[in-house]
Amino acid sequence: MSDRDDMSGLEVFFDAARAHAAEPSVALMARIEADAQAVAAQTSAPPRPRRASLSSQLYRLLGGWPAVTGLATAAMAGVWLGISLPEGMLDGANESAYLIDVAPELAFDLAGGNF
């Protein structure tokens, strides 16, 4: 005996269920619509996000306050070293700083003549 033979009595009920499509009642659809309208009335549009200013975007791009502090410190040290030449750079008290030309053969003469 197969399972199909045991189910023959239930086929009548299955056929009846297939013939009658399940649809929600009009009252149920009206309650769902009323509930959706009530919820839609309570919600408001979300506020538009403010666009960050250029300085705050740069601040975040650099990495926050630790990186900005390090950059400011390095800039101030560069300005200080550029303005005041340290004594260690000079050979003696009366000597001025001397620039060493690494490749003198690459010099460019602006006058271009034998003067």
N, C-alpha and C. Protein backbone atom coordinates (compact mmCIF):
# COMPACT_ATOMS: atom_id res chain seq x y z
N MET A 1 0.84 -1.15 0.00
CA MET A 1 0.00 0.00 0.00
C MET A 1 0.90 1.23 0.00
N SER A 2 0.62 2.22 -0.80
CA SER A 2 1.44 3.42 -0.88
C SER A 2 0.82 4.56 -0.06
N ASP A 3 1.61 5.58 0.11
CA ASP A 3 1.12 6.74 0.85
C ASP A 3 0.01 7.45 0.08
N ARG A 4 0.06 7.34 -1.23
CA ARG A 4 -0.94 8.00 -2.08
C ARG A 4 -2.33 7.41 -1.84
N ASP A 5 -2.39 6.13 -1.62
CA ASP A 5 -3.68 5.49 -1.36
C ASP A 5 -4.25 5.91 -0.02
N ASP A 6 -3.38 6.14 0.95
CA ASP A 6 -3.85 6.57 2.27
C ASP A 6 -4.37 8.00 2.22
N MET A 7 -3.89 8.80 1.28
CA MET A 7 -4.25 10.20 1.20
C MET A 7 -5.47 10.44 0.31
N SER A 8 -6.04 9.43 -0.26
CA SER A 8 -7.15 9.62 -1.19
C SER A 8 -8.35 10.29 -0.53
N GLY A 9 -8.56 10.06 0.73
CA GLY A 9 -9.68 10.68 1.43
C GLY A 9 -9.46 12.18 1.64
N LEU A 10 -8.20 12.58 1.71
CA LEU A 10 -7.89 13.99 1.94
C LEU A 10 -7.90 14.80 0.65
N GLU A 11 -7.83 14.14 -0.51
CA GLU A 11 -7.80 14.86 -1.79
C GLU A 11 -9.02 15.73 -1.99
N VAL A 12 -10.15 15.33 -1.48
CA VAL A 12 -11.37 16.12 -1.59
C VAL A 12 -11.19 17.47 -0.89
N PHE A 13 -10.60 17.43 0.27
CA PHE A 13 -10.38 18.66 1.03
C PHE A 13 -9.32 19.56 0.37
N PHE A 14 -8.28 18.93 -0.18
CA PHE A 14 -7.25 19.70 -0.86
C PHE A 14 -7.81 20.37 -2.11
N ASP A 15 -8.62 19.68 -2.84
CA ASP A 15 -9.25 20.26 -4.04
C ASP A 15 -10.16 21.43 -3.67
N ALA A 16 -10.89 21.30 -2.58
CA ALA A 16 -11.77 22.38 -2.14
C ALA A 16 -10.93 23.60 -1.72
N ALA A 17 -9.81 23.37 -1.07
CA ALA A 17 -8.94 24.48 -0.65
C ALA A 17 -8.32 25.17 -1.85
N ARG A 18 -7.97 24.39 -2.90
CA ARG A 18 -7.41 24.99 -4.11
C ARG A 18 -8.45 25.79 -4.87
N ALA A 19 -9.67 25.38 -4.82
CA ALA A 19 -10.73 26.07 -5.56
C ALA A 19 -11.09 27.41 -4.91
N HIS A 20 -10.97 27.50 -3.61
CA HIS A 20 -11.33 28.72 -2.90
C HIS A 20 -10.04 29.48 -2.54
N ALA A 21 -9.76 30.56 -3.24
CA ALA A 21 -8.56 31.35 -2.97
C ALA A 21 -8.77 32.20 -1.72
N ALA A 22 -7.78 32.24 -0.87
CA ALA A 22 -7.87 33.00 0.37
C ALA A 22 -7.57 34.47 0.08
N GLU A 23 -8.53 35.34 0.36
CA GLU A 23 -8.36 36.77 0.19
C GLU A 23 -8.74 37.45 1.50
N PRO A 24 -8.03 38.54 1.85
CA PRO A 24 -8.38 39.23 3.10
C PRO A 24 -9.73 39.94 2.96
N SER A 25 -10.41 40.07 4.07
CA SER A 25 -11.72 40.71 4.03
C SER A 25 -11.56 42.23 3.84
N VAL A 26 -12.64 42.86 3.43
CA VAL A 26 -12.64 44.30 3.21
C VAL A 26 -12.41 45.03 4.54
N ALA A 27 -12.96 44.52 5.62
CA ALA A 27 -12.79 45.15 6.92
C ALA A 27 -11.33 45.10 7.37
N LEU A 28 -10.67 43.97 7.12
CA LEU A 28 -9.26 43.85 7.49
C LEU A 28 -8.41 44.84 6.70
N MET A 29 -8.66 44.97 5.40
CA MET A 29 -7.91 45.91 4.57
C MET A 29 -8.14 47.35 5.00
N ALA A 30 -9.36 47.67 5.43
CA ALA A 30 -9.67 49.02 5.91
C ALA A 30 -8.92 49.32 7.20
N ARG A 31 -8.84 48.35 8.11
CA ARG A 31 -8.10 48.55 9.36
C ARG A 31 -6.60 48.72 9.10
N ILE A 32 -6.07 47.95 8.16
CA ILE A 32 -4.64 48.07 7.83
C ILE A 32 -4.35 49.44 7.24
N GLU A 33 -5.21 49.91 6.35
CA GLU A 33 -5.01 51.23 5.74
C GLU A 33 -5.12 52.35 6.76
N ALA A 34 -6.09 52.25 7.68
CA ALA A 34 -6.24 53.27 8.71
C ALA A 34 -5.01 53.30 9.63
N ASP A 35 -4.49 52.12 9.96
CA ASP A 35 -3.31 52.06 10.81
C ASP A 35 -2.09 52.64 10.08
N ALA A 36 -1.94 52.37 8.81
CA ALA A 36 -0.81 52.91 8.05
C ALA A 36 -0.89 54.42 7.94
N GLN A 37 -2.08 54.97 7.75
CA GLN A 37 -2.23 56.43 7.68
C GLN A 37 -1.94 57.08 9.02
N ALA A 38 -2.33 56.43 10.11
CA ALA A 38 -2.05 56.98 11.44
C ALA A 38 -0.54 57.01 11.71
N VAL A 39 0.17 55.97 11.32
CA VAL A 39 1.62 55.94 11.52
C VAL A 39 2.31 56.96 10.62
N ALA A 40 1.83 57.10 9.38
CA ALA A 40 2.42 58.07 8.46
C ALA A 40 2.22 59.50 8.95
N ALA A 41 1.11 59.78 9.61
CA ALA A 41 0.85 61.11 10.13
C ALA A 41 1.77 61.43 11.32
N GLN A 42 2.15 60.43 12.08
CA GLN A 42 3.00 60.65 13.26
C GLN A 42 4.46 60.88 12.88
N THR A 43 4.91 60.27 11.81
CA THR A 43 6.31 60.41 11.43
C THR A 43 6.50 61.70 10.65
N SER A 44 7.63 62.31 10.87
CA SER A 44 7.98 63.51 10.11
C SER A 44 9.20 63.20 9.26
N ALA A 45 9.47 64.06 8.34
CA ALA A 45 10.63 63.86 7.47
C ALA A 45 11.91 64.00 8.29
N PRO A 46 12.88 63.14 8.07
CA PRO A 46 14.13 63.25 8.84
C PRO A 46 14.86 64.53 8.47
N PRO A 47 15.52 65.13 9.42
CA PRO A 47 16.25 66.38 9.13
C PRO A 47 17.40 66.10 8.15
N ARG A 48 17.64 67.06 7.29
CA ARG A 48 18.74 66.91 6.34
C ARG A 48 20.05 67.00 7.10
N PRO A 49 20.96 66.10 6.81
CA PRO A 49 22.25 66.17 7.51
C PRO A 49 23.03 67.40 7.07
N ARG A 50 23.62 68.07 8.04
CA ARG A 50 24.43 69.26 7.74
C ARG A 50 25.71 68.84 7.08
N ARG A 51 26.09 69.57 6.07
CA ARG A 51 27.36 69.29 5.41
C ARG A 51 28.48 69.89 6.24
N ALA A 52 29.49 69.10 6.44
CA ALA A 52 30.61 69.54 7.26
C ALA A 52 31.38 70.64 6.53
N SER A 53 31.92 71.57 7.30
CA SER A 53 32.69 72.66 6.71
C SER A 53 34.02 72.13 6.19
N LEU A 54 34.67 72.94 5.39
CA LEU A 54 35.94 72.53 4.78
C LEU A 54 37.00 72.31 5.86
N SER A 55 37.01 73.15 6.89
CA SER A 55 38.01 72.98 7.94
C SER A 55 37.78 71.69 8.73
N SER A 56 36.54 71.33 9.00
CA SER A 56 36.29 70.09 9.73
C SER A 56 36.57 68.87 8.85
N GLN A 57 36.34 68.98 7.54
CA GLN A 57 36.69 67.88 6.65
C GLN A 57 38.21 67.69 6.61
N LEU A 58 38.96 68.79 6.56
CA LEU A 58 40.42 68.71 6.56
C LEU A 58 40.93 68.16 7.89
N TYR A 59 40.29 68.58 8.97
CA TYR A 59 40.64 68.10 10.31
C TYR A 59 40.49 66.58 10.39
N ARG A 60 39.36 66.06 9.88
CA ARG A 60 39.15 64.61 9.89
C ARG A 60 40.08 63.89 8.91
N LEU A 61 40.38 64.53 7.79
CA LEU A 61 41.27 63.92 6.79
C LEU A 61 42.68 63.75 7.34
N LEU A 62 43.14 64.72 8.11
CA LEU A 62 44.49 64.66 8.66
C LEU A 62 44.61 63.66 9.80
N GLY A 63 43.54 63.36 10.47
CA GLY A 63 43.60 62.35 11.52
C GLY A 63 43.22 62.85 12.90
N GLY A 64 42.62 64.01 13.00
CA GLY A 64 42.17 64.49 14.30
C GLY A 64 43.21 65.35 14.99
N TRP A 65 42.96 65.61 16.28
CA TRP A 65 43.79 66.57 17.00
C TRP A 65 45.23 66.12 17.20
N PRO A 66 45.55 64.81 17.37
CA PRO A 66 46.97 64.47 17.53
C PRO A 66 47.79 64.80 16.28
N ALA A 67 47.25 64.52 15.12
CA ALA A 67 47.99 64.79 13.88
C ALA A 67 48.08 66.29 13.62
N VAL A 68 47.02 67.02 13.89
CA VAL A 68 47.04 68.47 13.67
C VAL A 68 48.02 69.13 14.63
N THR A 69 48.08 68.65 15.86
CA THR A 69 49.03 69.19 16.84
C THR A 69 50.46 68.92 16.41
N GLY A 70 50.74 67.72 15.91
CA GLY A 70 52.07 67.39 15.42
C GLY A 70 52.46 68.24 14.22
N LEU A 71 51.52 68.46 13.30
CA LEU A 71 51.81 69.30 12.14
C LEU A 71 52.07 70.75 12.55
N ALA A 72 51.30 71.26 13.50
CA ALA A 72 51.51 72.63 13.96
C ALA A 72 52.86 72.77 14.65
N THR A 73 53.24 71.78 15.44
CA THR A 73 54.53 71.82 16.12
C THR A 73 55.67 71.78 15.11
N ALA A 74 55.57 70.92 14.11
CA ALA A 74 56.62 70.84 13.08
C ALA A 74 56.70 72.13 12.28
N ALA A 75 55.56 72.74 12.00
CA ALA A 75 55.57 74.01 11.25
C ALA A 75 56.22 75.11 12.07
N MET A 76 55.89 75.19 13.35
CA MET A 76 56.50 76.22 14.20
C MET A 76 58.00 76.00 14.36
N ALA A 77 58.42 74.74 14.47
CA ALA A 77 59.86 74.46 14.56
C ALA A 77 60.55 74.85 13.26
N GLY A 78 59.94 74.62 12.14
CA GLY A 78 60.52 75.02 10.86
C GLY A 78 60.64 76.51 10.71
N VAL A 79 59.62 77.23 11.16
CA VAL A 79 59.68 78.70 11.11
C VAL A 79 60.78 79.21 12.03
N TRP A 80 60.88 78.65 13.21
CA TRP A 80 61.90 79.09 14.18
C TRP A 80 63.30 78.81 13.64
N LEU A 81 63.53 77.62 13.08
CA LEU A 81 64.84 77.31 12.52
C LEU A 81 65.13 78.14 11.28
N GLY A 82 64.11 78.51 10.54
CA GLY A 82 64.32 79.33 9.36
C GLY A 82 64.66 80.77 9.68
N ILE A 83 64.09 81.28 10.75
CA ILE A 83 64.33 82.68 11.12
C ILE A 83 65.65 82.84 11.85
N SER A 84 65.90 82.01 12.83
CA SER A 84 67.13 82.15 13.62
C SER A 84 68.05 80.98 13.33
N LEU A 85 69.21 81.27 12.74
CA LEU A 85 70.18 80.23 12.41
C LEU A 85 70.87 79.78 13.69
N PRO A 86 70.84 78.50 13.99
CA PRO A 86 71.47 78.02 15.23
C PRO A 86 72.98 78.22 15.19
N GLU A 87 73.59 78.41 16.34
CA GLU A 87 75.02 78.66 16.45
C GLU A 87 75.84 77.46 15.98
N GLY A 88 75.30 76.27 16.07
CA GLY A 88 76.02 75.09 15.65
C GLY A 88 76.24 75.02 14.15
N MET A 89 75.50 75.79 13.40
CA MET A 89 75.64 75.79 11.94
C MET A 89 76.83 76.64 11.51
N LEU A 90 77.29 77.52 12.34
CA LEU A 90 78.42 78.39 12.02
C LEU A 90 79.71 77.79 12.57
N ASP A 91 80.82 77.95 11.82
CA ASP A 91 82.11 77.41 12.27
C ASP A 91 82.72 78.28 13.36
N GLY A 92 82.60 79.56 13.23
CA GLY A 92 83.18 80.47 14.21
C GLY A 92 82.23 81.61 14.48
N ALA A 93 82.65 82.47 15.37
CA ALA A 93 81.76 83.56 15.76
C ALA A 93 81.64 84.61 14.67
N ASN A 94 82.72 84.88 13.91
CA ASN A 94 82.69 85.93 12.90
C ASN A 94 82.43 85.41 11.48
N GLU A 95 82.38 84.12 11.31
CA GLU A 95 82.18 83.57 9.98
C GLU A 95 80.70 83.52 9.64
N SER A 96 80.43 83.70 8.39
CA SER A 96 79.04 83.55 7.96
C SER A 96 78.84 82.13 7.45
N ALA A 97 77.63 81.75 7.26
CA ALA A 97 77.33 80.40 6.78
C ALA A 97 77.86 80.24 5.36
N TYR A 98 78.35 79.06 5.05
CA TYR A 98 78.94 78.79 3.75
C TYR A 98 78.14 77.69 3.08
N LEU A 99 77.74 77.93 1.85
CA LEU A 99 76.99 76.95 1.08
C LEU A 99 77.96 76.13 0.26
N ILE A 100 77.91 74.84 0.40
CA ILE A 100 78.79 73.95 -0.35
C ILE A 100 78.11 73.56 -1.64
N ASP A 101 78.80 73.77 -2.76
CA ASP A 101 78.26 73.40 -4.06
C ASP A 101 78.65 71.95 -4.35
N VAL A 102 77.68 71.08 -4.42
CA VAL A 102 77.94 69.66 -4.58
C VAL A 102 78.44 69.36 -5.99
N ALA A 103 77.87 69.98 -7.01
CA ALA A 103 78.26 69.73 -8.40
C ALA A 103 78.58 71.06 -9.07
N PRO A 104 79.84 71.56 -8.97
CA PRO A 104 80.16 72.87 -9.54
C PRO A 104 80.11 72.88 -11.06
N GLU A 105 80.25 71.74 -11.71
CA GLU A 105 80.20 71.72 -13.17
C GLU A 105 78.80 71.97 -13.73
N LEU A 106 77.79 71.91 -12.89
CA LEU A 106 76.43 72.16 -13.32
C LEU A 106 76.00 73.60 -13.11
N ALA A 107 76.95 74.48 -12.83
CA ALA A 107 76.64 75.89 -12.59
C ALA A 107 76.14 76.53 -13.87
N PHE A 108 75.26 77.50 -13.72
CA PHE A 108 74.68 78.20 -14.88
C PHE A 108 75.08 79.66 -14.82
N ASP A 109 75.77 80.11 -15.84
CA ASP A 109 76.21 81.51 -15.89
C ASP A 109 75.14 82.33 -16.58
N LEU A 110 74.64 83.34 -15.89
CA LEU A 110 73.60 84.18 -16.46
C LEU A 110 74.17 85.18 -17.47
N ALA A 111 75.42 85.65 -17.23
CA ALA A 111 76.00 86.67 -18.13
C ALA A 111 76.38 86.05 -19.46
N GLY A 112 76.90 84.86 -19.45
CA GLY A 112 77.23 84.16 -20.67
C GLY A 112 78.38 84.74 -21.46
N GLY A 113 79.38 85.27 -20.82
CA GLY A 113 80.52 85.83 -21.53
C GLY A 113 81.80 85.68 -20.74
N ASN A 114 82.89 86.13 -21.30
CA ASN A 114 84.16 86.08 -20.62
C ASN A 114 84.44 87.45 -20.04
N PHE A 115 84.11 87.65 -18.79
CA PHE A 115 84.26 88.95 -18.16
C PHE A 115 85.40 88.97 -17.21
